[in-house]
Protein backbone atom coordinates (compact mmCIF):
# COMPACT_ATOMS: atom_id res chain seq x y z
CA MET A 1 -4.64 15.25 13.61
CA THR A 2 -5.04 14.79 10.15
CA VAL A 3 -3.56 17.79 7.75
CA VAL A 4 -5.24 18.68 4.46
CA CYS A 5 -2.41 19.14 2.35
CA PRO A 6 -2.39 22.05 -0.46
CA SER A 7 -0.57 19.91 -2.91
CA TYR A 8 0.52 16.37 -3.59
CA ASP A 9 4.18 17.50 -3.49
CA GLU A 10 3.54 18.56 0.36
CA ALA A 11 1.43 15.53 0.97
CA VAL A 12 4.75 13.30 0.24
CA ALA A 13 7.21 15.58 2.04
CA GLY A 14 9.42 13.93 4.28
CA ILE A 15 9.46 10.30 3.01
CA GLY A 16 12.98 8.96 3.66
CA ASP A 17 15.50 7.25 1.48
CA GLY A 18 15.07 3.26 2.35
CA SER A 19 11.47 3.82 3.59
CA THR A 20 9.05 1.20 3.34
CA VAL A 21 6.13 2.19 1.11
CA LEU A 22 2.45 0.72 0.99
CA VAL A 23 0.97 1.34 -2.40
CA GLY A 24 -2.83 0.86 -2.55
CA GLY A 25 -4.25 -0.52 -5.85
CA PHE A 26 -5.40 -3.46 -7.36
CA GLY A 27 -4.12 -2.85 -11.03
CA MET A 28 -4.87 0.63 -11.58
CA ALA A 29 -8.08 0.54 -9.46
CA GLY A 30 -7.47 2.96 -6.65
CA MET A 31 -3.84 3.46 -7.19
CA PRO A 32 -2.92 6.86 -5.90
CA VAL A 33 -1.18 7.79 -9.06
CA GLN A 34 -0.76 11.51 -8.13
CA LEU A 35 1.02 10.91 -5.10
CA ILE A 36 3.52 8.51 -6.55
CA ASP A 37 4.28 11.16 -9.23
CA ALA A 38 5.03 13.61 -6.46
CA LEU A 39 7.05 11.11 -4.84
CA ILE A 40 9.04 10.64 -8.16
CA ARG A 41 9.56 14.34 -7.78
CA GLN A 42 10.55 14.06 -4.18
CA GLY A 43 13.54 11.81 -4.94
CA ALA A 44 13.30 9.43 -2.01
CA THR A 45 15.21 6.23 -3.21
CA ASP A 46 16.29 2.53 -1.94
CA LEU A 47 12.66 2.16 -1.29
CA THR A 48 10.94 -1.06 -0.34
CA VAL A 49 7.30 -0.91 -1.93
CA VAL A 50 4.26 -3.33 -0.81
CA SER A 51 1.69 -3.50 -3.22
CA ASN A 52 -0.78 -5.93 -5.10
CA ASN A 53 1.07 -5.93 -8.11
CA ALA A 54 4.23 -4.63 -9.46
CA GLY A 55 2.97 -1.73 -11.98
CA ASN A 56 0.97 -1.45 -14.94
CA GLY A 57 2.30 0.12 -18.38
CA ASP A 58 4.41 3.28 -17.68
CA THR A 59 2.59 5.18 -15.04
CA GLY A 60 1.80 4.99 -11.49
CA LEU A 61 3.93 2.43 -9.66
CA ALA A 62 5.56 1.46 -12.89
CA ALA A 63 6.92 5.01 -13.35
CA LEU A 64 8.42 4.92 -9.87
CA LEU A 65 10.16 1.53 -10.88
CA ALA A 66 11.36 3.21 -14.10
CA ALA A 67 12.81 5.91 -12.00
CA GLU A 68 14.80 3.31 -10.40
CA ARG A 69 13.79 4.43 -6.61
CA VAL A 70 12.80 0.97 -5.54
CA ARG A 71 15.03 -1.69 -4.30
CA THR A 72 12.65 -4.33 -3.40
CA MET A 73 9.07 -5.19 -4.59
CA ILE A 74 6.93 -6.89 -2.23
CA CYS A 75 3.80 -8.20 -4.08
CA SER A 76 1.42 -10.95 -5.09
CA PHE A 77 1.32 -10.29 -9.18
CA PRO A 78 4.87 -9.54 -10.31
CA ARG A 79 4.25 -10.49 -14.04
CA GLN A 80 1.19 -9.49 -16.02
CA SER A 81 0.66 -8.74 -19.77
CA ASP A 82 1.71 -4.78 -19.07
CA SER A 83 4.09 -5.30 -16.36
CA TRP A 84 7.30 -4.62 -18.78
CA VAL A 85 8.79 -2.14 -16.56
CA PHE A 86 9.23 -4.93 -13.57
CA ASP A 87 10.08 -7.45 -15.76
CA GLY A 88 13.08 -5.68 -17.46
CA LEU A 89 14.41 -4.61 -14.18
CA TYR A 90 14.02 -8.02 -12.37
CA ARG A 91 15.72 -9.85 -15.47
CA SER A 92 18.61 -7.54 -15.08
CA GLY A 93 19.01 -7.93 -11.26
CA ALA A 94 18.14 -4.43 -10.59
CA ILE A 95 15.52 -5.06 -8.13
CA GLU A 96 14.57 -7.62 -5.44
CA LEU A 97 11.42 -9.43 -5.36
CA GLU A 98 9.43 -11.03 -2.29
CA VAL A 99 6.23 -12.90 -3.62
CA VAL A 100 3.45 -12.99 -1.19
CA PRO A 101 0.18 -14.83 -1.81
CA GLN A 102 -2.50 -12.25 -2.14
CA GLY A 103 -4.55 -13.29 1.23
CA THR A 104 -1.25 -13.44 3.23
CA LEU A 105 -0.13 -10.07 1.87
CA ALA A 106 -3.42 -8.30 3.19
CA GLU A 107 -3.50 -10.56 6.37
CA ARG A 108 0.18 -9.71 7.32
CA MET A 109 -0.80 -5.99 7.17
CA ARG A 110 -3.79 -6.23 9.02
CA ALA A 111 -1.80 -7.96 11.69
CA ALA A 112 0.58 -4.91 11.53
CA GLY A 113 -2.07 -2.58 12.10
CA ALA A 114 -3.84 -4.74 14.83
CA GLY A 115 -0.66 -5.17 16.71
CA ILE A 116 -0.43 -9.15 16.24
CA GLY A 117 3.00 -10.47 16.76
CA ALA A 118 2.68 -13.29 14.17
CA PHE A 119 0.07 -15.71 12.68
CA PHE A 120 -0.14 -19.28 11.32
CA CYS A 121 -1.55 -19.62 7.69
CA PRO A 122 -2.29 -22.58 5.62
CA THR A 123 -1.21 -20.80 2.26
CA GLY A 124 2.15 -21.60 0.99
CA VAL A 125 2.80 -24.85 3.11
CA GLY A 126 5.09 -27.29 0.96
CA THR A 127 5.94 -24.66 -1.62
CA PRO A 128 9.07 -22.47 -1.80
CA LEU A 129 7.19 -19.71 -0.35
CA ALA A 130 7.22 -21.44 3.07
CA ASP A 131 11.25 -21.98 2.81
CA GLY A 132 12.76 -20.80 6.03
CA LYS A 133 9.62 -20.46 7.93
CA GLU A 134 8.34 -22.40 10.96
CA VAL A 135 5.57 -25.03 10.00
CA ARG A 136 3.23 -26.28 12.64
CA LYS A 137 0.62 -29.08 12.63
CA ILE A 138 -2.52 -27.55 14.42
CA ASP A 139 -5.58 -29.71 14.51
CA GLY A 140 -4.46 -32.04 11.86
CA ARG A 141 -3.37 -29.38 9.12
CA HIS A 142 -0.21 -27.75 8.48
CA TYR A 143 0.44 -23.98 8.90
CA VAL A 144 3.35 -21.53 8.15
CA LEU A 145 4.19 -18.71 10.41
CA GLU A 146 3.84 -15.43 8.76
CA LEU A 147 5.15 -12.15 10.21
CA PRO A 148 3.37 -8.60 10.05
CA LEU A 149 4.16 -6.20 7.35
CA LYS A 150 4.44 -2.66 8.64
CA GLY A 151 5.12 0.26 6.70
CA ASP A 152 6.77 3.62 7.00
CA VAL A 153 4.38 5.10 4.81
CA ALA A 154 1.07 4.20 3.03
CA LEU A 155 0.15 6.02 -0.05
CA ILE A 156 -3.63 4.98 -0.77
CA GLY A 157 -6.71 6.08 -3.20
CA ALA A 158 -9.79 6.85 -1.63
CA HIS A 159 -12.82 8.80 -2.88
CA VAL A 160 -14.04 11.19 -0.17
CA ALA A 161 -12.51 12.51 3.01
CA ASP A 162 -13.87 14.87 5.79
CA ARG A 163 -11.22 17.08 7.28
CA MET A 164 -10.62 14.60 10.09
CA GLY A 165 -9.28 12.09 7.72
CA ASN A 166 -12.38 9.71 7.62
CA LEU A 167 -12.26 7.92 4.43
CA VAL A 168 -14.92 6.36 2.08
CA TYR A 169 -14.05 4.36 -0.89
CA ARG A 170 -15.48 3.50 -4.23
CA LYS A 171 -16.12 0.17 -5.06
CA THR A 172 -13.05 -1.84 -6.17
CA ALA A 173 -11.01 1.06 -5.31
CA ARG A 174 -11.07 0.49 -1.77
CA ASN A 175 -8.99 -2.96 -2.31
CA PHE A 176 -5.90 -2.50 0.08
CA GLY A 177 -6.44 0.72 1.43
CA PRO A 178 -7.90 0.02 4.89
CA VAL A 179 -5.23 -2.53 5.88
CA MET A 180 -2.61 -0.42 4.49
CA ALA A 181 -3.83 2.74 6.51
CA ALA A 182 -3.64 0.86 9.84
CA ALA A 183 -0.37 -0.87 9.25
CA ALA A 184 1.74 2.36 8.51
CA THR A 185 3.44 4.83 10.54
CA THR A 186 2.01 7.82 8.28
CA THR A 187 -0.80 7.43 6.03
CA VAL A 188 -1.51 9.60 3.06
CA ALA A 189 -4.76 9.37 0.91
CA GLN A 190 -5.33 10.74 -2.29
CA LEU A 191 -8.77 11.81 -2.75
CA SER A 192 -11.56 13.30 -5.31
CA ARG A 193 -12.95 15.35 -2.57
CA VAL A 194 -12.35 16.51 0.96
CA VAL A 195 -15.66 17.69 2.77
CA GLU A 196 -16.14 19.53 6.11
CA VAL A 197 -16.62 17.27 9.19
CA GLY A 198 -20.26 16.05 9.50
CA ALA A 199 -20.66 15.70 5.85
CA LEU A 200 -20.20 11.97 5.66
CA ASP A 201 -22.63 9.67 6.70
CA PRO A 202 -20.71 7.69 9.62
CA GLU A 203 -22.23 4.44 8.41
CA VAL A 204 -20.20 4.56 5.30
CA VAL A 205 -16.75 5.38 6.58
CA VAL A 206 -14.31 2.62 5.98
CA THR A 207 -11.31 3.98 7.34
CA PRO A 208 -11.55 6.08 10.62
CA GLY A 209 -9.45 9.49 10.45
CA ILE A 210 -7.23 8.09 13.61
CA TYR A 211 -5.32 6.10 10.85
CA VAL A 212 -4.92 9.05 8.16
CA ASP A 213 -2.27 11.69 8.69
CA ARG A 214 -2.61 13.53 5.54
CA VAL A 215 -5.17 13.91 2.78
CA VAL A 216 -5.00 15.75 -0.48
CA GLY A 217 -7.94 16.17 -2.82
CA GLN A 218 -9.02 17.64 -6.18
CA GLU A 219 -11.38 19.38 -4.80
CA VAL A 220 -11.34 20.85 -1.12
CA ALA A 221 -14.53 22.31 0.77
CA ALA A 222 -13.79 26.05 1.78
């Protein structure tokens, strides 16, 4: 059953030290900044964070990194022009990094949500990203074995939800949200609005409420 939380702090309550946290966002598009700020206040540490990139500027995920709450970062794009927080931590040895190609990252989380034990993927064959992994030739092409990537918690951003947790996204803010919601034990969604059941057109729902445990919105229908 989805819980409509009265605050961001309540929405992230109970996230423990050492948790694997899936954080939505493509850059800042769809990043649940208020949930991340609440997680900083909550105090959980020694986290493994899975996200597309390793933070932008000094807000959102970058602020969580700057608070030194993250032990390991799993992402596709750890370095860009405004990733100075992660860059400094990595160069000083204060954080571990696992680089995963973007499509593989999404598919590993999708596999976790679908209950798939592992899958073979051609991306990364013949590169350091395949070191230590099984490589198999299938129909004349080489593939590397990839394992599912599951989260204890997913913090995602969506546009609107109803009180049952059905989510609607807005344009590129959708990004990794659907696969992260399915791949996590507990999914928390940050929203612009929470509306009454029946107010959403079922045809536009992307993430069904069965995958969503907590929602928190700037506006909540009475």
